[in-house]
Protein backbone atom coordinates (compact mmCIF):
# COMPACT_ATOMS: atom_id res chain seq x y z
CA UNK A 1 0.00 0.00 0.00
CA UNK A 2 2.82 2.42 0.78
CA UNK A 3 3.98 2.39 -2.84
CA UNK A 4 0.58 2.38 -4.50
CA UNK A 5 -0.38 5.40 -6.53
CA UNK A 6 -4.06 4.63 -5.98
CA UNK A 7 -4.15 6.25 -2.53
CA UNK A 8 -3.59 9.86 -1.52
CA UNK A 9 -1.36 10.74 1.43
CA UNK A 10 -4.48 11.30 3.51
CA UNK A 11 -5.89 7.89 2.58
CA UNK A 12 -2.55 6.21 3.35
CA UNK A 13 -2.49 7.91 6.75
CA UNK A 14 -6.04 6.76 7.47
CA UNK A 15 -5.26 3.17 6.49
CA UNK A 16 -2.08 3.12 8.57
CA UNK A 17 -4.03 4.59 11.51
CA UNK A 18 -6.71 1.90 11.17
CA UNK A 19 -4.10 -0.85 10.93
CA UNK A 20 -2.24 0.38 14.00
CA UNK A 21 -5.46 0.66 16.04
CA UNK A 22 -6.62 -2.79 14.97
CA UNK A 23 -3.36 -4.60 15.71
CA UNK A 24 -2.12 -2.96 18.90
CA UNK A 25 1.23 -4.45 19.82
CA UNK A 26 1.80 -3.27 23.36
CA UNK A 27 0.99 -0.21 25.40
CA UNK A 28 2.70 2.35 23.14
CA UNK A 29 1.06 3.57 19.93
CA UNK A 30 3.50 4.02 16.99
CA UNK A 31 4.57 7.67 17.05
CA UNK A 32 5.28 7.80 13.31
CA UNK A 33 1.75 6.62 12.51
CA UNK A 34 0.29 9.24 14.84
CA UNK A 35 2.44 12.01 13.35
CA UNK A 36 1.45 11.16 9.77
CA UNK A 37 -2.22 11.03 10.73
CA UNK A 38 -2.00 14.29 12.67
CA UNK A 39 -0.51 15.98 9.58
CA UNK A 40 -3.46 14.88 7.44
CA UNK A 41 -6.40 15.19 9.85
CA UNK A 42 -7.61 17.79 12.30
CA UNK A 43 -7.94 16.71 15.92
CA UNK A 44 -11.71 16.31 15.47
CA UNK A 45 -11.29 14.29 12.28
CA UNK A 46 -8.77 12.01 13.99
CA UNK A 47 -11.20 11.40 16.85
CA UNK A 48 -13.97 10.64 14.33
CA UNK A 49 -11.69 8.29 12.39
CA UNK A 50 -10.65 6.54 15.60
CA UNK A 51 -14.30 6.08 16.59
CA UNK A 52 -15.16 4.64 13.18
CA UNK A 53 -12.20 2.23 13.19
CA UNK A 54 -12.79 1.02 16.74
CA UNK A 55 -16.54 0.61 16.13
CA UNK A 56 -15.93 -1.56 13.07
CA UNK A 57 -13.30 -3.50 15.01
CA UNK A 58 -15.85 -4.08 17.79
CA UNK A 59 -18.38 -5.44 15.27
CA UNK A 60 -15.70 -7.78 13.94
CA UNK A 61 -14.86 -9.00 17.45
CA UNK A 62 -18.53 -9.75 18.14
CA UNK A 63 -18.75 -11.72 14.89
CA UNK A 64 -15.64 -13.69 15.81
CA UNK A 65 -16.83 -14.32 19.38
CA UNK A 66 -20.28 -15.54 18.39
CA UNK A 67 -19.41 -17.25 15.13
CA UNK A 68 -21.59 -15.12 12.88
CA UNK A 69 -22.23 -16.65 9.49
CA UNK A 70 -20.35 -14.52 7.00
CA UNK A 71 -21.71 -13.88 3.53
CA UNK A 72 -25.31 -14.94 4.13
CA UNK A 73 -26.99 -11.52 4.05
CA UNK A 74 -29.51 -10.99 1.25
CA UNK A 75 -30.64 -7.49 0.32
CA UNK A 76 -34.03 -6.78 1.90
CA UNK A 77 -34.07 -9.85 4.14
CA UNK A 78 -35.03 -7.74 7.14
CA UNK A 79 -37.51 -5.49 5.34
CA UNK A 80 -40.98 -5.33 6.81
CA UNK A 81 -43.65 -6.13 4.24
PDB file of N, CA and C in Angstrom:
ATOM      1  N   UNK A   1       0.810  -1.191   0.000  1.00  0.00           N
ATOM      2  CA  UNK A   1       0.000   0.000   0.000  1.00  0.00           C
ATOM      3  C   UNK A   1       0.859   1.262   0.000  1.00  0.00           C
ATOM      4  N   UNK A   2       1.959   1.240   0.704  1.00  0.00           N
ATOM      5  CA  UNK A   2       2.823   2.422   0.783  1.00  0.00           C
ATOM      6  C   UNK A   2       3.252   2.916  -0.597  1.00  0.00           C
ATOM      7  N   UNK A   3       3.459   2.014  -1.521  1.00  0.00           N
ATOM      8  CA  UNK A   3       3.976   2.392  -2.840  1.00  0.00           C
ATOM      9  C   UNK A   3       2.892   2.566  -3.887  1.00  0.00           C
ATOM     10  N   UNK A   4       1.669   2.298  -3.539  1.00  0.00           N
ATOM     11  CA  UNK A   4       0.576   2.376  -4.497  1.00  0.00           C
ATOM     12  C   UNK A   4       0.236   3.819  -4.838  1.00  0.00           C
ATOM     13  N   UNK A   5       0.007   4.059  -6.109  1.00  0.00           N
ATOM     14  CA  UNK A   5      -0.380   5.399  -6.534  1.00  0.00           C
ATOM     15  C   UNK A   5      -1.890   5.586  -6.471  1.00  0.00           C
ATOM     16  N   UNK A   6      -2.605   4.565  -6.041  1.00  0.00           N
ATOM     17  CA  UNK A   6      -4.059   4.631  -5.983  1.00  0.00           C
ATOM     18  C   UNK A   6      -4.576   5.383  -4.761  1.00  0.00           C
ATOM     19  N   UNK A   7      -3.725   5.604  -3.767  1.00  0.00           N
ATOM     20  CA  UNK A   7      -4.146   6.248  -2.527  1.00  0.00           C
ATOM     21  C   UNK A   7      -3.435   7.585  -2.341  1.00  0.00           C
ATOM     22  N   UNK A   8      -4.188   8.559  -1.855  1.00  0.00           N
ATOM     23  CA  UNK A   8      -3.595   9.858  -1.521  1.00  0.00           C
ATOM     24  C   UNK A   8      -2.842   9.728  -0.199  1.00  0.00           C
ATOM     25  N   UNK A   9      -2.064  10.743   0.143  1.00  0.00           N
ATOM     26  CA  UNK A   9      -1.356  10.736   1.428  1.00  0.00           C
ATOM     27  C   UNK A   9      -2.340  10.645   2.590  1.00  0.00           C
ATOM     28  N   UNK A  10      -3.469  11.327   2.447  1.00  0.00           N
ATOM     29  CA  UNK A  10      -4.484  11.302   3.508  1.00  0.00           C
ATOM     30  C   UNK A  10      -5.068   9.900   3.652  1.00  0.00           C
ATOM     31  N   UNK A  11      -5.349   9.249   2.536  1.00  0.00           N
ATOM     32  CA  UNK A  11      -5.885   7.886   2.584  1.00  0.00           C
ATOM     33  C   UNK A  11      -4.868   6.913   3.166  1.00  0.00           C
ATOM     34  N   UNK A  12      -3.606   7.067   2.792  1.00  0.00           N
ATOM     35  CA  UNK A  12      -2.551   6.206   3.347  1.00  0.00           C
ATOM     36  C   UNK A  12      -2.444   6.391   4.858  1.00  0.00           C
ATOM     37  N   UNK A  13      -2.545   7.636   5.313  1.00  0.00           N
ATOM     38  CA  UNK A  13      -2.487   7.914   6.749  1.00  0.00           C
ATOM     39  C   UNK A  13      -3.668   7.283   7.470  1.00  0.00           C
ATOM     40  N   UNK A  14      -4.840   7.351   6.866  1.00  0.00           N
ATOM     41  CA  UNK A  14      -6.040   6.759   7.472  1.00  0.00           C
ATOM     42  C   UNK A  14      -5.910   5.238   7.549  1.00  0.00           C
ATOM     43  N   UNK A  15      -5.428   4.623   6.489  1.00  0.00           N
ATOM     44  CA  UNK A  15      -5.262   3.173   6.485  1.00  0.00           C
ATOM     45  C   UNK A  15      -4.208   2.720   7.496  1.00  0.00           C
ATOM     46  N   UNK A  16      -3.117   3.455   7.591  1.00  0.00           N
ATOM     47  CA  UNK A  16      -2.077   3.124   8.574  1.00  0.00           C
ATOM     48  C   UNK A  16      -2.615   3.290   9.994  1.00  0.00           C
ATOM     49  N   UNK A  17      -3.412   4.343  10.197  1.00  0.00           N
ATOM     50  CA  UNK A  17      -4.027   4.591  11.510  1.00  0.00           C
ATOM     51  C   UNK A  17      -4.944   3.420  11.876  1.00  0.00           C
ATOM     52  N   UNK A  18      -5.784   3.013  10.933  1.00  0.00           N
ATOM     53  CA  UNK A  18      -6.708   1.904  11.168  1.00  0.00           C
ATOM     54  C   UNK A  18      -5.946   0.619  11.472  1.00  0.00           C
ATOM     55  N   UNK A  19      -4.909   0.350  10.716  1.00  0.00           N
ATOM     56  CA  UNK A  19      -4.105  -0.855  10.933  1.00  0.00           C
ATOM     57  C   UNK A  19      -3.455  -0.843  12.316  1.00  0.00           C
ATOM     58  N   UNK A  20      -2.895   0.283  12.698  1.00  0.00           N
ATOM     59  CA  UNK A  20      -2.238   0.377  14.002  1.00  0.00           C
ATOM     60  C   UNK A  20      -3.240   0.224  15.144  1.00  0.00           C
ATOM     61  N   UNK A  21      -4.436   0.789  14.995  1.00  0.00           N
ATOM     62  CA  UNK A  21      -5.461   0.657  16.038  1.00  0.00           C
ATOM     63  C   UNK A  21      -5.978  -0.770  16.139  1.00  0.00           C
ATOM     64  N   UNK A  22      -6.055  -1.448  15.015  1.00  0.00           N
ATOM     65  CA  UNK A  22      -6.617  -2.788  14.968  1.00  0.00           C
ATOM     66  C   UNK A  22      -5.638  -3.831  15.488  1.00  0.00           C
ATOM     67  N   UNK A  23      -4.370  -3.607  15.298  1.00  0.00           N
ATOM     68  CA  UNK A  23      -3.361  -4.596  15.710  1.00  0.00           C
ATOM     69  C   UNK A  23      -2.406  -3.999  16.733  1.00  0.00           C
ATOM     70  N   UNK A  24      -2.956  -3.534  17.841  1.00  0.00           N
ATOM     71  CA  UNK A  24      -2.123  -2.959  18.895  1.00  0.00           C
ATOM     72  C   UNK A  24      -1.100  -3.988  19.370  1.00  0.00           C
ATOM     73  N   UNK A  25       0.142  -3.564  19.395  1.00  0.00           N
ATOM     74  CA  UNK A  25       1.230  -4.451  19.819  1.00  0.00           C
ATOM     75  C   UNK A  25       1.927  -3.866  21.029  1.00  0.00           C
ATOM     76  N   UNK A  26       1.220  -3.810  22.135  1.00  0.00           N
ATOM     77  CA  UNK A  26       1.803  -3.273  23.363  1.00  0.00           C
ATOM     78  C   UNK A  26       1.142  -1.982  23.766  1.00  0.00           C
ATOM     79  N   UNK A  27       1.637  -1.395  24.829  1.00  0.00           N
ATOM     80  CA  UNK A  27       0.987  -0.212  25.395  1.00  0.00           C
ATOM     81  C   UNK A  27       1.324   1.111  24.706  1.00  0.00           C
ATOM     82  N   UNK A  28       2.262   1.104  23.771  1.00  0.00           N
ATOM     83  CA  UNK A  28       2.697   2.350  23.140  1.00  0.00           C
ATOM     84  C   UNK A  28       2.248   2.366  21.683  1.00  0.00           C
ATOM     85  N   UNK A  29       1.520   3.422  21.306  1.00  0.00           N
ATOM     86  CA  UNK A  29       1.061   3.570  19.926  1.00  0.00           C
ATOM     87  C   UNK A  29       2.228   4.086  19.079  1.00  0.00           C
ATOM     88  N   UNK A  30       2.380   3.595  17.845  1.00  0.00           N
ATOM     89  CA  UNK A  30       3.497   4.023  16.988  1.00  0.00           C
ATOM     90  C   UNK A  30       3.472   5.536  16.727  1.00  0.00           C
ATOM     91  N   UNK A  31       4.503   6.213  17.161  1.00  0.00           N
ATOM     92  CA  UNK A  31       4.570   7.673  17.047  1.00  0.00           C
ATOM     93  C   UNK A  31       4.576   8.145  15.599  1.00  0.00           C
ATOM     94  N   UNK A  32       5.237   7.397  14.719  1.00  0.00           N
ATOM     95  CA  UNK A  32       5.285   7.802  13.314  1.00  0.00           C
ATOM     96  C   UNK A  32       3.900   7.732  12.671  1.00  0.00           C
ATOM     97  N   UNK A  33       3.113   6.747  13.037  1.00  0.00           N
ATOM     98  CA  UNK A  33       1.753   6.623  12.508  1.00  0.00           C
ATOM     99  C   UNK A  33       0.906   7.789  13.001  1.00  0.00           C
ATOM    100  N   UNK A  34       1.040   8.103  14.286  1.00  0.00           N
ATOM    101  CA  UNK A  34       0.290   9.238  14.842  1.00  0.00           C
ATOM    102  C   UNK A  34       0.686  10.536  14.142  1.00  0.00           C
ATOM    103  N   UNK A  35       1.973  10.760  13.967  1.00  0.00           N
ATOM    104  CA  UNK A  35       2.443  12.010  13.352  1.00  0.00           C
ATOM    105  C   UNK A  35       1.934  12.170  11.922  1.00  0.00           C
ATOM    106  N   UNK A  36       1.956  11.090  11.149  1.00  0.00           N
ATOM    107  CA  UNK A  36       1.447  11.156   9.772  1.00  0.00           C
ATOM    108  C   UNK A  36      -0.055  11.444   9.760  1.00  0.00           C
ATOM    109  N   UNK A  37      -0.782  10.799  10.659  1.00  0.00           N
ATOM    110  CA  UNK A  37      -2.225  11.027  10.730  1.00  0.00           C
ATOM    111  C   UNK A  37      -2.526  12.452  11.181  1.00  0.00           C
ATOM    112  N   UNK A  38      -1.780  12.938  12.143  1.00  0.00           N
ATOM    113  CA  UNK A  38      -1.998  14.294  12.667  1.00  0.00           C
ATOM    114  C   UNK A  38      -1.683  15.362  11.620  1.00  0.00           C
ATOM    115  N   UNK A  39      -0.806  15.052  10.670  1.00  0.00           N
ATOM    116  CA  UNK A  39      -0.511  15.981   9.578  1.00  0.00           C
ATOM    117  C   UNK A  39      -1.661  16.049   8.572  1.00  0.00           C
ATOM    118  N   UNK A  40      -2.413  14.977   8.451  1.00  0.00           N
ATOM    119  CA  UNK A  40      -3.456  14.881   7.435  1.00  0.00           C
ATOM    120  C   UNK A  40      -4.858  15.195   7.958  1.00  0.00           C
ATOM    121  N   UNK A  41      -5.067  15.038   9.263  1.00  0.00           N
ATOM    122  CA  UNK A  41      -6.396  15.195   9.848  1.00  0.00           C
ATOM    123  C   UNK A  41      -6.376  16.193  10.989  1.00  0.00           C
ATOM    124  N   UNK A  42      -7.470  16.924  11.124  1.00  0.00           N
ATOM    125  CA  UNK A  42      -7.612  17.789  12.297  1.00  0.00           C
ATOM    126  C   UNK A  42      -7.822  16.890  13.512  1.00  0.00           C
ATOM    127  N   UNK A  43      -7.742  17.477  14.696  1.00  0.00           N
ATOM    128  CA  UNK A  43      -7.944  16.706  15.922  1.00  0.00           C
ATOM    129  C   UNK A  43      -9.341  16.059  15.927  1.00  0.00           C
ATOM    130  N   UNK A  44     -10.345  16.831  15.512  1.00  0.00           N
ATOM    131  CA  UNK A  44     -11.713  16.309  15.475  1.00  0.00           C
ATOM    132  C   UNK A  44     -11.846  15.170  14.452  1.00  0.00           C
ATOM    133  N   UNK A  45     -11.232  15.341  13.295  1.00  0.00           N
ATOM    134  CA  UNK A  45     -11.288  14.290  12.278  1.00  0.00           C
ATOM    135  C   UNK A  45     -10.604  13.009  12.762  1.00  0.00           C
ATOM    136  N   UNK A  46      -9.498  13.176  13.483  1.00  0.00           N
ATOM    137  CA  UNK A  46      -8.771  12.013  13.986  1.00  0.00           C
ATOM    138  C   UNK A  46      -9.586  11.279  15.051  1.00  0.00           C
ATOM    139  N   UNK A  47     -10.294  12.026  15.869  1.00  0.00           N
ATOM    140  CA  UNK A  47     -11.198  11.405  16.849  1.00  0.00           C
ATOM    141  C   UNK A  47     -12.309  10.650  16.122  1.00  0.00           C
ATOM    142  N   UNK A  48     -12.905  11.280  15.103  1.00  0.00           N
ATOM    143  CA  UNK A  48     -13.969  10.635  14.330  1.00  0.00           C
ATOM    144  C   UNK A  48     -13.459   9.365  13.639  1.00  0.00           C
ATOM    145  N   UNK A  49     -12.279   9.439  13.056  1.00  0.00           N
ATOM    146  CA  UNK A  49     -11.687   8.286  12.388  1.00  0.00           C
ATOM    147  C   UNK A  49     -11.433   7.166  13.392  1.00  0.00           C
ATOM    148  N   UNK A  50     -10.919   7.519  14.547  1.00  0.00           N
ATOM    149  CA  UNK A  50     -10.654   6.536  15.600  1.00  0.00           C
ATOM    150  C   UNK A  50     -11.950   5.864  16.040  1.00  0.00           C
ATOM    151  N   UNK A  51     -13.006   6.644  16.208  1.00  0.00           N
ATOM    152  CA  UNK A  51     -14.297   6.085  16.593  1.00  0.00           C
ATOM    153  C   UNK A  51     -14.811   5.129  15.519  1.00  0.00           C
ATOM    154  N   UNK A  52     -14.695   5.512  14.265  1.00  0.00           N
ATOM    155  CA  UNK A  52     -15.156   4.640  13.178  1.00  0.00           C
ATOM    156  C   UNK A  52     -14.364   3.337  13.148  1.00  0.00           C
ATOM    157  N   UNK A  53     -13.052   3.430  13.241  1.00  0.00           N
ATOM    158  CA  UNK A  53     -12.204   2.232  13.191  1.00  0.00           C
ATOM    159  C   UNK A  53     -12.492   1.311  14.371  1.00  0.00           C
ATOM    160  N   UNK A  54     -12.570   1.863  15.562  1.00  0.00           N
ATOM    161  CA  UNK A  54     -12.787   1.019  16.740  1.00  0.00           C
ATOM    162  C   UNK A  54     -14.199   0.436  16.764  1.00  0.00           C
ATOM    163  N   UNK A  55     -15.179   1.143  16.211  1.00  0.00           N
ATOM    164  CA  UNK A  55     -16.539   0.609  16.128  1.00  0.00           C
ATOM    165  C   UNK A  55     -16.583  -0.585  15.183  1.00  0.00           C
ATOM    166  N   UNK A  56     -15.974  -0.446  14.022  1.00  0.00           N
ATOM    167  CA  UNK A  56     -15.925  -1.557  13.067  1.00  0.00           C
ATOM    168  C   UNK A  56     -15.164  -2.734  13.674  1.00  0.00           C
ATOM    169  N   UNK A  57     -14.074  -2.446  14.372  1.00  0.00           N
ATOM    170  CA  UNK A  57     -13.299  -3.501  15.013  1.00  0.00           C
ATOM    171  C   UNK A  57     -14.143  -4.221  16.066  1.00  0.00           C
ATOM    172  N   UNK A  58     -14.975  -3.477  16.795  1.00  0.00           N
ATOM    173  CA  UNK A  58     -15.854  -4.084  17.790  1.00  0.00           C
ATOM    174  C   UNK A  58     -16.859  -5.013  17.115  1.00  0.00           C
ATOM    175  N   UNK A  59     -17.458  -4.569  16.010  1.00  0.00           N
ATOM    176  CA  UNK A  59     -18.380  -5.442  15.269  1.00  0.00           C
ATOM    177  C   UNK A  59     -17.674  -6.730  14.854  1.00  0.00           C
ATOM    178  N   UNK A  60     -16.454  -6.604  14.361  1.00  0.00           N
ATOM    179  CA  UNK A  60     -15.702  -7.781  13.935  1.00  0.00           C
ATOM    180  C   UNK A  60     -15.440  -8.724  15.102  1.00  0.00           C
ATOM    181  N   UNK A  61     -15.123  -8.159  16.260  1.00  0.00           N
ATOM    182  CA  UNK A  61     -14.864  -8.996  17.447  1.00  0.00           C
ATOM    183  C   UNK A  61     -16.120  -9.737  17.877  1.00  0.00           C
ATOM    184  N   UNK A  62     -17.275  -9.078  17.813  1.00  0.00           N
ATOM    185  CA  UNK A  62     -18.531  -9.748  18.138  1.00  0.00           C
ATOM    186  C   UNK A  62     -18.774 -10.901  17.164  1.00  0.00           C
ATOM    187  N   UNK A  63     -18.557 -10.663  15.891  1.00  0.00           N
ATOM    188  CA  UNK A  63     -18.753 -11.718  14.894  1.00  0.00           C
ATOM    189  C   UNK A  63     -17.831 -12.902  15.140  1.00  0.00           C
ATOM    190  N   UNK A  64     -16.596 -12.616  15.509  1.00  0.00           N
ATOM    191  CA  UNK A  64     -15.644 -13.687  15.809  1.00  0.00           C
ATOM    192  C   UNK A  64     -16.088 -14.445  17.061  1.00  0.00           C
ATOM    193  N   UNK A  65     -16.463 -13.712  18.105  1.00  0.00           N
ATOM    194  CA  UNK A  65     -16.830 -14.320  19.379  1.00  0.00           C
ATOM    195  C   UNK A  65     -18.057 -15.221  19.268  1.00  0.00           C
ATOM    196  N   UNK A  66     -19.031 -14.804  18.467  1.00  0.00           N
ATOM    197  CA  UNK A  66     -20.279 -15.541  18.394  1.00  0.00           C
ATOM    198  C   UNK A  66     -20.446 -16.333  17.103  1.00  0.00           C
ATOM    199  N   UNK A  67     -19.387 -16.415  16.316  1.00  0.00           N
ATOM    200  CA  UNK A  67     -19.408 -17.250  15.125  1.00  0.00           C
ATOM    201  C   UNK A  67     -20.459 -16.868  14.103  1.00  0.00           C
ATOM    202  N   UNK A  68     -20.592 -15.588  13.849  1.00  0.00           N
ATOM    203  CA  UNK A  68     -21.588 -15.120  12.881  1.00  0.00           C
ATOM    204  C   UNK A  68     -21.306 -15.710  11.503  1.00  0.00           C
ATOM    205  N   UNK A  69     -22.362 -16.122  10.845  1.00  0.00           N
ATOM    206  CA  UNK A  69     -22.226 -16.655   9.489  1.00  0.00           C
ATOM    207  C   UNK A  69     -21.916 -15.511   8.532  1.00  0.00           C
ATOM    208  N   UNK A  70     -20.788 -15.575   7.895  1.00  0.00           N
ATOM    209  CA  UNK A  70     -20.348 -14.517   7.000  1.00  0.00           C
ATOM    210  C   UNK A  70     -20.841 -14.796   5.584  1.00  0.00           C
ATOM    211  N   UNK A  71     -21.327 -13.753   4.926  1.00  0.00           N
ATOM    212  CA  UNK A  71     -21.713 -13.882   3.526  1.00  0.00           C
ATOM    213  C   UNK A  71     -23.104 -14.414   3.290  1.00  0.00           C
ATOM    214  N   UNK A  72     -23.958 -14.401   4.305  1.00  0.00           N
ATOM    215  CA  UNK A  72     -25.305 -14.944   4.131  1.00  0.00           C
ATOM    216  C   UNK A  72     -26.374 -13.869   3.959  1.00  0.00           C
ATOM    217  N   UNK A  73     -25.999 -12.603   4.132  1.00  0.00           N
ATOM    218  CA  UNK A  73     -26.987 -11.521   4.046  1.00  0.00           C
ATOM    219  C   UNK A  73     -27.530 -11.400   2.626  1.00  0.00           C
ATOM    220  N   UNK A  74     -28.842 -11.239   2.524  1.00  0.00           N
ATOM    221  CA  UNK A  74     -29.508 -10.988   1.252  1.00  0.00           C
ATOM    222  C   UNK A  74     -30.190  -9.630   1.344  1.00  0.00           C
ATOM    223  N   UNK A  75     -30.038  -8.808   0.329  1.00  0.00           N
ATOM    224  CA  UNK A  75     -30.641  -7.486   0.322  1.00  0.00           C
ATOM    225  C   UNK A  75     -32.132  -7.602   0.591  1.00  0.00           C
ATOM    226  N   UNK A  76     -32.605  -6.825   1.574  1.00  0.00           N
ATOM    227  CA  UNK A  76     -34.031  -6.781   1.900  1.00  0.00           C
ATOM    228  C   UNK A  76     -34.519  -7.875   2.824  1.00  0.00           C
ATOM    229  N   UNK A  77     -33.621  -8.735   3.317  1.00  0.00           N
ATOM    230  CA  UNK A  77     -34.074  -9.850   4.140  1.00  0.00           C
ATOM    231  C   UNK A  77     -34.728  -9.413   5.439  1.00  0.00           C
ATOM    232  N   UNK A  78     -34.442  -8.216   5.896  1.00  0.00           N
ATOM    233  CA  UNK A  78     -35.027  -7.736   7.138  1.00  0.00           C
ATOM    234  C   UNK A  78     -36.124  -6.692   6.905  1.00  0.00           C
ATOM    235  N   UNK A  79     -36.496  -6.480   5.662  1.00  0.00           N
ATOM    236  CA  UNK A  79     -37.513  -5.485   5.337  1.00  0.00           C
ATOM    237  C   UNK A  79     -38.878  -5.954   5.825  1.00  0.00           C
ATOM    238  N   UNK A  80     -39.619  -5.008   6.363  1.00  0.00           N
ATOM    239  CA  UNK A  80     -40.984  -5.328   6.810  1.00  0.00           C
ATOM    240  C   UNK A  80     -41.920  -5.178   5.626  1.00  0.00           C
ATOM    241  N   UNK A  81     -42.709  -6.154   5.374  1.00  0.00           N
ATOM    242  CA  UNK A  81     -43.650  -6.128   4.237  1.00  0.00           C
ATOM    243  C   UNK A  81     -44.966  -5.547   4.645  1.00  0.00           C
TER     244      UNK A  81
END
